[in-house]
Amino acid sequence: MKPARSHRAIGQVAHAYGACLRVEVLESPEGFYIGTREDGLPFSRESVEYYPSRVAAERALMRGTWTQRLLPAQKNVLPPAAA
């Protein structure tokens, strides 16, 4: 399944971990990305893409042309039955 393009203002990865945080452009050694932060610190990377510049990342955020990262599906694994 291909991740959907996103126009969301709230980070979906952050939301999956119980936080309601707005997406914004953040920077890492890999480049600029769309993510969330809490208390001034990065919390989640929301975009699949890294961008070469802040301007490119801001443009993608504004236009909604970035791709939302998806979390792996949580598996309901039951412990083995006692023998």
Protein backbone atom coordinates (compact mmCIF):
# COMPACT_ATOMS: atom_id res chain seq x y z
CA MET A 1 0.00 0.00 0.00
CA LYS A 2 1.45 3.35 -1.03
CA PRO A 3 1.45 6.07 1.67
CA ALA A 4 -1.01 8.88 0.95
CA ARG A 5 -0.08 12.47 0.26
CA SER A 6 -0.98 14.59 3.23
CA HIS A 7 -2.57 17.95 3.97
CA ARG A 8 -2.90 17.17 7.67
CA ALA A 9 -1.92 19.76 10.26
CA ILE A 10 -1.59 17.25 13.12
CA GLY A 11 1.17 14.64 13.05
CA GLN A 12 -0.33 11.19 12.60
CA VAL A 13 2.76 9.36 13.90
CA ALA A 14 2.78 11.61 16.97
CA HIS A 15 -0.97 11.03 17.38
CA ALA A 16 -0.42 7.27 17.35
CA TYR A 17 1.76 7.80 20.43
CA GLY A 18 -0.86 9.91 22.18
CA ALA A 19 0.39 13.39 21.28
CA CYS A 20 -1.58 16.05 19.43
CA LEU A 21 1.18 18.09 17.77
CA ARG A 22 1.18 20.33 14.70
CA VAL A 23 3.44 19.42 11.80
CA GLU A 24 6.27 21.78 10.92
CA VAL A 25 9.59 21.78 9.09
CA LEU A 26 12.46 20.35 11.14
CA GLU A 27 16.13 19.73 10.39
CA SER A 28 18.35 16.71 10.92
CA PRO A 29 21.76 15.63 9.60
CA GLU A 30 19.90 13.89 6.72
CA GLY A 31 18.19 17.12 5.64
CA PHE A 32 14.91 18.90 6.27
CA TYR A 33 11.73 16.96 6.94
CA ILE A 34 8.16 17.43 8.08
CA GLY A 35 7.68 16.39 11.66
CA THR A 36 6.50 17.42 15.08
CA ARG A 37 8.18 18.64 18.20
CA GLU A 38 7.27 18.79 21.84
CA ASP A 39 8.84 21.12 24.39
CA GLY A 40 11.22 22.33 21.68
CA LEU A 41 12.57 18.86 20.91
CA PRO A 42 11.82 16.68 17.85
CA PHE A 43 9.04 14.19 18.59
CA SER A 44 8.19 12.47 15.29
CA ARG A 45 9.21 12.41 11.65
CA GLU A 46 5.96 12.54 9.70
CA SER A 47 7.22 12.80 6.12
CA VAL A 48 8.72 9.97 4.12
CA GLU A 49 10.83 12.51 2.26
CA TYR A 50 13.87 14.50 3.28
CA TYR A 51 14.33 17.82 1.49
CA PRO A 52 17.57 19.55 0.49
CA SER A 53 16.48 22.94 1.86
CA ARG A 54 14.09 24.49 4.35
CA VAL A 55 12.36 26.30 1.48
CA ALA A 56 11.68 23.03 -0.35
CA ALA A 57 10.28 21.42 2.80
CA GLU A 58 8.11 24.46 3.60
CA ARG A 59 6.79 24.42 0.04
CA ALA A 60 5.86 20.74 0.32
CA LEU A 61 4.17 21.36 3.67
CA MET A 62 2.23 24.34 2.37
CA ARG A 63 1.14 22.58 -0.84
CA GLY A 64 0.41 19.26 0.83
CA THR A 65 2.74 17.41 -1.52
CA TRP A 66 4.59 15.46 1.16
CA THR A 67 3.96 11.80 1.94
CA GLN A 68 2.76 10.77 5.41
CA ARG A 69 4.86 8.03 7.04
CA LEU A 70 2.86 5.03 8.15
CA LEU A 71 3.46 2.98 11.27
CA PRO A 72 3.79 -0.77 10.86
CA ALA A 73 0.51 -2.48 11.60
CA GLN A 74 0.35 -3.63 15.18
CA LYS A 75 -0.02 -7.37 15.37
CA ASN A 76 -2.22 -8.99 17.95
CA VAL A 77 0.08 -11.73 19.10
CA LEU A 78 -1.17 -13.97 21.85
CA PRO A 79 1.28 -15.82 24.07
CA PRO A 80 1.44 -19.59 23.49
CA ALA A 81 -1.17 -21.61 25.41
CA ALA A 82 0.11 -23.15 28.60
CA ALA A 83 0.68 -26.90 28.27
